[in-house]
Amino acid sequence: RIRLSLREAVVSTQSTQALDKIYKKGSSAVASGGYSYSTMENYVYGGLDKTVHKTIDAAGAACAKKSTCTGIVKVGKGKYQIATGSEIKKGTGKTLYVKGGKDYTSRDIYFGAEMWTAKAPYTLSGTKAETKTYKDRDNALRHCLANTACNGVTLTGGKYTLYKSSTTTEKDGSVSWIRRGDILASDGYFWDKQKGKTLTGYYDSTKYTTLAKATAACAKATSCKGVTKEGTKKYRTNTGSTFSTNNGRTAWRQEDPFVLHSGTYFTKLSGKKLSNIQTKKAYASEAKAAAACAKAPRTCTGFVLKSKKYYLTKGWTLYTDADYTAFIRNHEKVVNVEYTTMYGGYSYSVKGPFMHDPTKFGKTAYTTSSKCMAACNKSAKCKGCSYFGKKQKYYTSTDSKVYLGGGKDKAFTKGSSGINAEYGKITMTFANIGDINLVGLGLVVEGSDAC
């Protein structure tokens, strides 16, 4: 989303025909340093700054800091100068970028099986959910998920801060991730799920019997904006995108498109680019770029496509640029596992893919959950055990709070002591009878972990 404010300019030409030619052709839009720029080939601004920048992003950053900057001129390959004049002149072989309004961008992402909206240039305001700040986005969002008071995260000056409020305030250079709730990833789109809500306007007359059939039909139609469950096996596709209250219904609004590679979601946005593009290495395919990015979650924020080549990125700021397509890294696909088990007279609430804070782990690594829980039962300070998938080991924890992990990570949080009794073994064979709710049954499962 862009707000474009046009600057007044004086064109140095004797011909009104030349003036018409500038505006009849139109111009493409790019963004740099948080501002949008309209492009004019073979023109320049007067009053160029002496400093030469190697990239348009470097020039854009310099222009954003200077209140008198009116635009950027590309004077040669890898040579950009900012301008303070307003007189447009002919400049064969040069490119003029006329500074406009701020570049306001947003995108929807999947993280921890929840929907978040990232907005720039905005900061969250009000009371902080934690006094501690974090150095990377994923860690900050994990801590926000674990904090019931947290509704969003703001990146400013390289630090991520958790906030209680989701209210935003405009601030140059900041990016904020706002927590929105349940999400469905289906048919190439994210869907914002809202219980007790409905959407208006019917796209077609079909009453679909499943959500999957309804979202598949909606995803294929540009005028369809969402799906509403109106009753048992009754799903309708909608043309309206505004939620309204209806306690007996559930609605799913279509949001940004995504691609899924190497088990990781990437939001796909045409006409956008991420900051800090790594141009030294180009990838030949979307899948190869995504795989490389997924392997480096601490540094890679996504990748961009330009001229049939893919480049990894290291910045979270999203800019408008018609020459690019941005793929913003989200998070790996989460399959939640929750159940309760008993061991040695204590109940344990098991949740995956979650684990306790690794900084609160004990020093001993255990090879099985039983050995870890046996050790935990002997210590009043022990609050549970965690299976750390990367190390394939179990560790005791002195903290009961759990955080989103990945892969096969699993948290066993110790509860109250129960009746210490001998349990018999029951062998069961399951037919396809659907989901079974095991929460609170206190089962100890032996055999296949795939069950």
Protein backbone atom coordinates (compact mmCIF):
# COMPACT_ATOMS: atom_id res chain seq x y z
CA ARG A 1 0.00 0.00 0.00
CA ILE A 2 1.55 3.30 -1.07
CA ARG A 3 0.66 6.90 -0.41
CA LEU A 4 2.22 8.89 -3.22
CA SER A 5 2.60 12.65 -2.87
CA LEU A 6 3.72 14.41 -6.04
CA ARG A 7 6.35 17.12 -5.80
CA GLU A 8 6.11 20.27 -7.87
CA ALA A 9 8.75 20.27 -10.60
CA VAL A 10 9.89 22.71 -13.27
CA VAL A 11 10.76 21.07 -16.59
CA SER A 12 13.54 22.79 -18.52
CA THR A 13 12.29 22.57 -22.11
CA GLN A 14 11.01 24.91 -24.80
CA SER A 15 8.47 22.40 -26.06
CA THR A 16 5.10 21.58 -24.48
CA GLN A 17 5.20 18.42 -26.57
CA ALA A 18 8.25 17.24 -24.56
CA LEU A 19 6.35 17.98 -21.35
CA ASP A 20 3.41 15.89 -22.56
CA LYS A 21 5.76 13.06 -23.46
CA ILE A 22 7.01 12.79 -19.87
CA TYR A 23 3.58 12.24 -18.38
CA LYS A 24 1.89 10.33 -21.20
CA LYS A 25 4.34 7.47 -20.90
CA GLY A 26 3.82 7.18 -17.19
CA SER A 27 6.49 5.87 -14.85
CA SER A 28 7.24 2.83 -12.76
CA ALA A 29 7.49 3.05 -8.97
CA VAL A 30 10.36 1.96 -6.76
CA ALA A 31 10.94 2.41 -3.05
CA SER A 32 14.06 3.09 -1.02
CA GLY A 33 14.77 4.30 2.48
CA GLY A 34 11.06 4.10 3.35
CA TYR A 35 9.92 6.42 0.53
CA SER A 36 8.39 5.75 -2.88
CA TYR A 37 9.99 7.14 -6.02
CA SER A 38 8.59 7.54 -9.54
CA THR A 39 11.08 6.76 -12.30
CA MET A 40 11.87 8.98 -15.30
CA GLU A 41 14.37 7.71 -17.87
CA ASN A 42 16.78 10.18 -19.55
CA TYR A 43 16.07 13.00 -17.10
CA VAL A 44 17.97 14.47 -14.15
CA TYR A 45 17.43 16.91 -11.30
CA GLY A 46 19.57 19.95 -10.86
CA GLY A 47 21.55 20.45 -7.65
CA LEU A 48 23.16 17.04 -7.14
CA ASP A 49 24.98 16.17 -3.94
CA LYS A 50 28.70 15.43 -4.41
CA THR A 51 28.61 12.06 -2.59
CA VAL A 52 28.28 9.07 -4.94
CA HIS A 53 26.51 5.98 -3.59
CA LYS A 54 27.00 2.47 -4.96
CA THR A 55 23.35 1.38 -4.68
CA ILE A 56 19.94 3.02 -4.85
CA ASP A 57 19.21 1.75 -1.32
CA ALA A 58 22.30 3.54 0.02
CA ALA A 59 21.21 6.70 -1.79
CA GLY A 60 17.65 6.26 -0.51
CA ALA A 61 18.89 5.98 3.07
CA ALA A 62 20.87 9.22 2.62
CA CYS A 63 17.89 10.96 1.01
CA ALA A 64 15.58 9.92 3.88
CA LYS A 65 17.91 11.61 6.36
CA LYS A 66 18.02 14.89 4.43
CA SER A 67 14.83 16.98 4.59
CA THR A 68 15.79 18.97 1.46
CA CYS A 69 16.28 15.85 -0.70
CA THR A 70 13.95 15.84 -3.70
CA GLY A 71 15.09 12.66 -5.41
CA ILE A 72 17.90 10.45 -6.66
CA VAL A 73 19.76 10.42 -9.97
CA LYS A 74 21.49 7.37 -11.39
CA VAL A 75 24.43 8.93 -13.20
CA GLY A 76 26.09 5.67 -14.22
CA LYS A 77 26.43 1.98 -13.41
CA GLY A 78 26.63 1.65 -9.64
CA LYS A 79 26.62 5.45 -9.21
CA TYR A 80 23.74 7.26 -7.49
CA GLN A 81 23.58 10.85 -6.24
CA ILE A 82 20.84 12.51 -4.20
CA ALA A 83 19.35 15.78 -5.41
CA THR A 84 18.10 18.89 -3.63
CA GLY A 85 16.89 20.79 -6.69
CA SER A 86 13.44 20.72 -8.25
CA GLU A 87 14.30 21.59 -11.86
CA ILE A 88 14.08 18.61 -14.22
CA LYS A 89 16.47 18.57 -17.16
CA LYS A 90 17.25 16.25 -20.03
CA GLY A 91 19.94 13.72 -19.13
CA THR A 92 20.59 11.11 -21.80
CA GLY A 93 21.45 7.72 -20.30
CA LYS A 94 20.60 8.82 -16.79
CA THR A 95 17.62 7.91 -14.60
CA LEU A 96 15.73 10.27 -12.30
CA TYR A 97 13.92 8.95 -9.23
CA VAL A 98 11.45 11.60 -8.05
CA LYS A 99 10.87 11.38 -4.31
CA GLY A 100 7.25 10.92 -3.32
CA GLY A 101 5.47 9.92 -0.14
CA LYS A 102 6.40 7.26 2.37
CA ASP A 103 6.25 3.62 1.34
CA TYR A 104 3.63 2.03 3.60
CA THR A 105 3.74 -1.77 3.37
CA SER A 106 2.15 -4.73 5.11
CA ARG A 107 2.13 -8.49 4.74
CA ASP A 108 0.51 -11.45 6.47
CA ILE A 109 2.69 -14.24 7.82
CA TYR A 110 2.33 -17.67 9.42
CA PHE A 111 4.26 -18.15 12.67
CA GLY A 112 3.54 -20.75 15.33
CA ALA A 113 0.25 -21.72 13.63
CA GLU A 114 -1.03 -18.16 14.16
CA MET A 115 -1.55 -15.23 11.82
CA TRP A 116 0.53 -12.06 12.18
CA THR A 117 0.49 -8.86 10.12
CA ALA A 118 3.82 -7.07 9.65
CA LYS A 119 3.55 -3.31 9.01
CA ALA A 120 6.15 -0.66 8.14
CA PRO A 121 7.10 2.04 8.99
CA TYR A 122 5.29 1.53 12.29
CA THR A 123 6.09 0.87 15.95
CA LEU A 124 3.76 -0.49 18.60
CA SER A 125 2.97 1.83 21.47
CA GLY A 126 1.95 1.59 25.10
CA THR A 127 3.10 -0.82 27.80
CA LYS A 128 5.80 -3.35 27.04
CA ALA A 129 4.97 -7.02 27.60
CA GLU A 130 8.58 -7.64 28.67
CA THR A 131 11.47 -5.38 29.60
CA LYS A 132 13.90 -7.70 27.82
CA THR A 133 14.66 -7.14 24.12
CA TYR A 134 15.69 -9.76 21.56
CA LYS A 135 18.22 -9.88 18.73
CA ASP A 136 16.26 -11.87 16.14
CA ARG A 137 12.64 -11.96 14.98
CA ASP A 138 11.95 -15.66 15.46
CA ASN A 139 13.07 -15.64 19.10
CA ALA A 140 11.01 -12.50 19.78
CA LEU A 141 7.86 -13.98 18.23
CA ARG A 142 8.36 -17.24 20.18
CA HIS A 143 8.49 -15.30 23.44
CA CYS A 144 5.43 -13.30 22.42
CA LEU A 145 3.51 -16.54 21.79
CA ALA A 146 4.48 -17.77 25.27
CA ASN A 147 3.33 -14.52 26.88
CA THR A 148 -0.46 -14.22 27.12
CA ALA A 149 -0.14 -10.44 27.57
CA CYS A 150 1.86 -9.99 24.34
CA ASN A 151 0.02 -8.79 21.22
CA GLY A 152 2.93 -7.79 19.00
CA VAL A 153 6.62 -7.19 18.42
CA THR A 154 8.46 -4.12 17.07
CA LEU A 155 11.89 -4.01 15.41
CA THR A 156 13.68 -0.68 15.92
CA GLY A 157 17.42 -0.11 15.76
CA GLY A 158 18.21 -3.81 15.55
CA LYS A 159 16.27 -4.68 18.73
CA TYR A 160 12.96 -6.53 19.02
CA THR A 161 10.57 -5.39 21.77
CA LEU A 162 7.38 -7.13 22.96
CA TYR A 163 4.26 -5.01 23.54
CA LYS A 164 0.89 -5.56 25.21
CA SER A 165 -0.91 -3.26 22.79
CA SER A 166 -1.50 -3.80 19.07
CA THR A 167 -1.90 -0.03 18.45
CA THR A 168 0.63 1.28 15.93
CA THR A 169 2.39 4.64 15.63
CA GLU A 170 4.24 5.74 12.51
CA LYS A 171 8.03 5.67 12.93
CA ASP A 172 10.67 5.67 10.21
CA GLY A 173 12.84 2.56 10.10
CA SER A 174 10.56 0.44 12.30
CA VAL A 175 8.71 -2.78 11.47
CA SER A 176 5.97 -4.25 13.70
CA TRP A 177 4.43 -7.74 13.80
CA ILE A 178 0.86 -7.72 15.14
CA ARG A 179 -0.62 -10.92 16.55
CA ARG A 180 -4.02 -11.71 15.03
CA GLY A 181 -4.99 -15.25 16.03
CA ASP A 182 -6.00 -18.44 14.24
CA ILE A 183 -4.81 -19.05 10.71
CA LEU A 184 -5.54 -21.52 7.93
CA ALA A 185 -2.97 -22.13 5.20
CA SER A 186 -4.74 -23.66 2.22
CA ASP A 187 -4.91 -23.49 -1.58
CA GLY A 188 -1.98 -21.08 -1.85
CA TYR A 189 -3.43 -18.47 0.52
CA PHE A 190 -3.51 -17.65 4.20
CA TRP A 191 -7.01 -17.39 5.68
CA ASP A 192 -7.83 -15.33 8.78
CA LYS A 193 -10.15 -17.48 10.91
CA GLN A 194 -12.69 -15.68 13.10
CA LYS A 195 -15.18 -17.53 15.28
CA GLY A 196 -18.52 -15.82 15.83
CA LYS A 197 -18.10 -13.83 12.61
CA THR A 198 -19.60 -13.90 9.12
CA LEU A 199 -18.79 -12.42 5.71
CA THR A 200 -21.36 -10.88 3.39
CA GLY A 201 -22.26 -11.35 -0.27
CA TYR A 202 -22.36 -14.73 -1.99
CA TYR A 203 -19.88 -15.47 -4.75
CA ASP A 204 -21.89 -18.43 -6.03
CA SER A 205 -25.02 -20.42 -5.14
CA THR A 206 -23.16 -23.60 -4.15
CA LYS A 207 -23.44 -24.90 -0.58
CA TYR A 208 -20.14 -26.71 -0.04
CA THR A 209 -20.06 -29.66 2.36
CA THR A 210 -16.46 -29.12 3.54
CA LEU A 211 -14.20 -26.16 4.23
CA ALA A 212 -11.57 -27.59 1.89
CA LYS A 213 -13.98 -27.58 -1.06
CA ALA A 214 -15.09 -24.02 -0.29
CA THR A 215 -11.58 -22.54 0.03
CA ALA A 216 -10.48 -24.36 -3.14
CA ALA A 217 -13.33 -22.75 -5.08
CA CYS A 218 -12.74 -19.33 -3.52
CA ALA A 219 -9.00 -19.36 -4.21
CA LYS A 220 -9.66 -19.72 -7.95
CA ALA A 221 -11.90 -16.63 -8.17
CA THR A 222 -10.52 -13.10 -7.94
CA SER A 223 -13.84 -11.69 -6.70
CA CYS A 224 -14.15 -14.22 -3.87
CA LYS A 225 -12.81 -12.85 -0.58
CA GLY A 226 -13.58 -15.59 1.92
CA VAL A 227 -15.70 -18.44 3.24
CA THR A 228 -18.35 -18.64 5.97
CA LYS A 229 -19.56 -21.76 7.75
CA GLU A 230 -23.30 -21.20 8.13
CA GLY A 231 -24.22 -24.60 9.54
CA THR A 232 -23.35 -28.29 9.59
CA LYS A 233 -21.73 -29.18 6.27
CA LYS A 234 -22.79 -25.80 4.89
CA TYR A 235 -19.99 -23.51 3.70
CA ARG A 236 -20.62 -20.50 1.46
CA THR A 237 -18.11 -18.47 -0.55
CA ASN A 238 -18.31 -14.69 -0.04
CA THR A 239 -17.49 -11.52 -1.97
CA GLY A 240 -17.31 -9.28 1.12
CA SER A 241 -14.07 -8.94 3.11
CA THR A 242 -15.41 -7.21 6.26
CA PHE A 243 -16.21 -9.36 9.29
CA SER A 244 -19.50 -8.81 11.11
CA THR A 245 -20.71 -10.49 14.30
CA ASN A 246 -22.75 -13.70 14.10
CA ASN A 247 -22.27 -16.01 17.07
CA GLY A 248 -23.43 -19.13 15.26
CA ARG A 249 -20.94 -18.85 12.42
CA THR A 250 -17.22 -19.03 11.65
CA ALA A 251 -15.59 -17.10 8.80
CA TRP A 252 -12.27 -17.38 6.97
CA ARG A 253 -11.08 -14.27 5.09
CA GLN A 254 -8.58 -14.73 2.26
CA GLU A 255 -5.29 -12.93 2.94
CA ASP A 256 -1.85 -12.92 1.27
CA PRO A 257 -0.65 -15.74 -1.00
CA PHE A 258 2.11 -18.12 0.11
CA VAL A 259 4.44 -20.84 -1.15
CA LEU A 260 5.65 -23.80 0.93
CA HIS A 261 9.20 -25.06 0.46
CA SER A 262 11.30 -27.36 2.66
CA GLY A 263 8.49 -27.33 5.22
CA THR A 264 8.71 -23.52 5.57
CA TYR A 265 6.08 -20.97 4.56
CA PHE A 266 7.02 -17.89 2.51
CA THR A 267 4.58 -15.03 1.85
CA LYS A 268 4.73 -14.23 -1.89
CA LEU A 269 4.15 -10.61 -2.97
CA SER A 270 4.58 -9.35 -6.53
CA GLY A 271 5.90 -5.81 -6.98
CA LYS A 272 7.72 -5.93 -3.62
CA LYS A 273 11.27 -6.47 -2.45
CA LEU A 274 12.95 -7.07 0.89
CA SER A 275 15.86 -4.97 2.12
CA ASN A 276 19.51 -6.03 2.25
CA ILE A 277 19.51 -8.16 -0.91
CA GLN A 278 22.52 -10.50 -1.17
CA THR A 279 23.48 -10.13 -4.83
CA LYS A 280 26.76 -12.08 -4.75
CA LYS A 281 25.01 -15.43 -5.26
CA ALA A 282 22.04 -16.03 -7.55
CA TYR A 283 19.81 -19.11 -7.41
CA ALA A 284 18.29 -20.63 -10.52
CA SER A 285 14.97 -21.67 -8.98
CA GLU A 286 12.50 -20.67 -6.30
CA ALA A 287 12.90 -24.05 -4.56
CA LYS A 288 16.71 -23.77 -4.34
CA ALA A 289 16.52 -20.23 -2.92
CA ALA A 290 13.89 -21.30 -0.39
CA ALA A 291 15.93 -24.32 0.71
CA ALA A 292 19.02 -22.16 1.23
CA CYS A 293 17.01 -19.63 3.24
CA ALA A 294 15.36 -22.30 5.39
CA LYS A 295 18.80 -23.61 6.36
CA ALA A 296 19.86 -20.19 7.68
CA PRO A 297 16.90 -18.92 9.77
CA ARG A 298 19.13 -16.74 11.97
CA THR A 299 20.23 -14.54 9.05
CA CYS A 300 17.89 -15.13 6.09
CA THR A 301 14.63 -13.15 5.99
CA GLY A 302 13.51 -14.48 2.61
CA PHE A 303 14.48 -14.02 -1.02
CA VAL A 304 13.55 -11.95 -4.06
CA LEU A 305 13.05 -12.68 -7.74
CA LYS A 306 14.37 -10.31 -10.39
CA SER A 307 15.01 -11.06 -14.06
CA LYS A 308 14.57 -14.82 -13.54
CA LYS A 309 17.18 -14.93 -10.79
CA TYR A 310 16.65 -15.41 -7.07
CA TYR A 311 18.64 -13.68 -4.31
CA LEU A 312 18.54 -14.20 -0.54
CA THR A 313 17.80 -11.24 1.73
CA LYS A 314 18.82 -10.26 5.27
CA GLY A 315 16.45 -7.34 5.99
CA TRP A 316 12.83 -7.34 7.17
CA THR A 317 11.82 -4.01 5.60
CA LEU A 318 9.49 -4.47 2.63
CA TYR A 319 9.65 -1.98 -0.25
CA THR A 320 7.59 -1.40 -3.37
CA ASP A 321 9.42 -2.17 -6.63
CA ALA A 322 7.68 -3.30 -9.80
CA ASP A 323 10.77 -5.20 -10.97
CA TYR A 324 10.77 -7.62 -8.04
CA THR A 325 8.75 -10.37 -6.36
CA ALA A 326 9.37 -10.85 -2.64
CA PHE A 327 9.21 -14.15 -0.75
CA ILE A 328 9.15 -13.32 2.99
CA ARG A 329 10.22 -16.14 5.29
CA ASN A 330 7.51 -17.08 7.79
CA HIS A 331 8.01 -20.20 9.87
CA GLU A 332 7.97 -23.94 9.44
CA LYS A 333 4.63 -25.70 9.22
CA VAL A 334 3.46 -26.54 12.75
CA VAL A 335 1.55 -29.69 13.66
CA ASN A 336 0.49 -29.28 17.30
CA VAL A 337 0.59 -32.32 19.59
CA GLU A 338 -0.99 -32.18 23.06
CA TYR A 339 -1.73 -34.91 25.59
CA THR A 340 -1.27 -35.78 29.29
CA THR A 341 0.72 -38.70 30.66
CA MET A 342 1.57 -40.07 34.10
CA TYR A 343 4.99 -41.13 35.34
CA GLY A 344 6.05 -42.13 38.84
CA GLY A 345 2.91 -40.67 40.37
CA TYR A 346 3.17 -37.28 38.61
CA SER A 347 1.10 -36.01 35.70
CA TYR A 348 2.92 -34.41 32.76
CA SER A 349 1.32 -32.14 30.19
CA VAL A 350 3.01 -32.88 26.87
CA LYS A 351 3.09 -30.31 24.08
CA GLY A 352 4.89 -30.30 20.73
CA PRO A 353 6.64 -28.81 18.85
CA PHE A 354 7.38 -26.83 22.04
CA MET A 355 10.12 -26.97 24.65
CA HIS A 356 11.27 -25.19 27.80
CA ASP A 357 13.85 -22.41 27.76
CA PRO A 358 17.22 -24.09 26.94
CA THR A 359 18.97 -21.69 29.35
CA LYS A 360 17.02 -23.41 32.16
CA PHE A 361 18.05 -26.95 31.14
CA GLY A 362 19.94 -29.26 33.48
CA LYS A 363 23.43 -30.42 32.53
CA THR A 364 22.56 -34.11 32.15
CA ALA A 365 21.27 -35.36 28.79
CA TYR A 366 18.89 -38.33 28.94
CA THR A 367 18.22 -40.82 26.17
CA THR A 368 14.53 -41.44 27.02
CA SER A 369 11.63 -39.45 28.40
CA SER A 370 11.18 -42.00 31.20
CA LYS A 371 14.72 -41.46 32.50
CA CYS A 372 14.28 -37.68 32.34
CA MET A 373 10.91 -37.72 34.15
CA ALA A 374 12.30 -40.10 36.78
CA ALA A 375 15.07 -37.59 37.51
CA CYS A 376 12.58 -34.70 37.49
CA ASN A 377 10.30 -36.45 39.99
CA LYS A 378 13.16 -36.53 42.52
CA SER A 379 13.69 -32.74 42.44
CA ALA A 380 11.25 -30.15 43.78
CA LYS A 381 12.96 -27.53 41.61
CA CYS A 382 12.36 -29.48 38.40
CA LYS A 383 9.34 -28.23 36.44
CA GLY A 384 9.51 -30.65 33.54
CA CYS A 385 11.54 -32.22 30.74
CA SER A 386 12.17 -31.19 27.16
CA TYR A 387 13.10 -33.23 24.13
CA PHE A 388 15.59 -31.18 22.10
CA GLY A 389 15.18 -32.50 18.56
CA LYS A 390 18.48 -31.18 17.20
CA LYS A 391 20.44 -33.05 19.88
CA GLN A 392 18.01 -35.98 20.13
CA LYS A 393 18.22 -35.82 23.93
CA TYR A 394 15.95 -35.07 26.90
CA TYR A 395 16.79 -32.41 29.51
CA THR A 396 15.22 -31.45 32.84
CA SER A 397 14.04 -27.84 33.20
CA THR A 398 13.64 -25.50 36.17
CA ASP A 399 11.13 -23.35 34.22
CA SER A 400 7.53 -24.40 33.53
CA LYS A 401 6.92 -21.96 30.66
CA VAL A 402 7.13 -23.49 27.17
CA TYR A 403 8.19 -21.87 23.93
CA LEU A 404 7.58 -22.74 20.30
CA GLY A 405 10.33 -25.00 18.98
CA GLY A 406 10.49 -26.94 15.75
CA GLY A 407 10.53 -30.39 14.23
CA LYS A 408 10.29 -33.08 16.92
CA ASP A 409 10.81 -30.78 19.93
CA LYS A 410 8.49 -31.69 22.80
CA ALA A 411 7.89 -30.26 26.29
CA PHE A 412 6.84 -32.42 29.28
CA THR A 413 5.60 -30.02 31.96
CA LYS A 414 5.27 -31.54 35.44
CA GLY A 415 1.94 -31.21 37.20
CA SER A 416 0.60 -32.44 40.50
CA SER A 417 1.29 -35.87 41.97
CA GLY A 418 -1.46 -38.41 41.53
CA ILE A 419 -2.15 -41.96 42.71
CA ASN A 420 0.98 -44.08 42.36
CA ALA A 421 -0.50 -47.35 41.15
CA GLU A 422 0.33 -50.22 38.87
CA TYR A 423 -1.16 -49.85 35.41
CA GLY A 424 -2.19 -52.75 33.24
CA LYS A 425 -1.33 -52.88 29.55
CA ILE A 426 -4.05 -52.63 26.94
CA THR A 427 -3.44 -53.55 23.30
CA MET A 428 -5.71 -51.66 20.89
CA THR A 429 -6.17 -51.77 17.13
CA PHE A 430 -7.70 -48.61 15.63
CA ALA A 431 -9.82 -48.45 12.54
CA ASN A 432 -10.39 -45.12 10.78
CA ILE A 433 -12.65 -43.65 13.47
CA GLY A 434 -11.37 -40.07 13.33
CA ASP A 435 -9.80 -37.94 16.03
CA ILE A 436 -9.65 -39.05 19.66
CA ASN A 437 -9.20 -36.47 22.42
CA LEU A 438 -6.54 -37.88 24.79
CA VAL A 439 -6.18 -34.77 26.96
CA GLY A 440 -6.49 -35.65 30.65
CA LEU A 441 -6.66 -39.44 30.22
CA GLY A 442 -3.21 -40.02 31.75
CA LEU A 443 -1.98 -42.54 29.18
CA VAL A 444 1.53 -43.94 28.95
CA VAL A 445 2.06 -44.98 25.35
CA GLU A 446 4.49 -47.77 24.52
CA GLY A 447 5.35 -48.72 20.98
CA SER A 448 5.14 -46.63 17.84
CA ASP A 449 5.59 -42.86 18.26
CA ALA A 450 3.64 -42.49 15.04
CA CYS A 451 0.44 -43.60 16.74
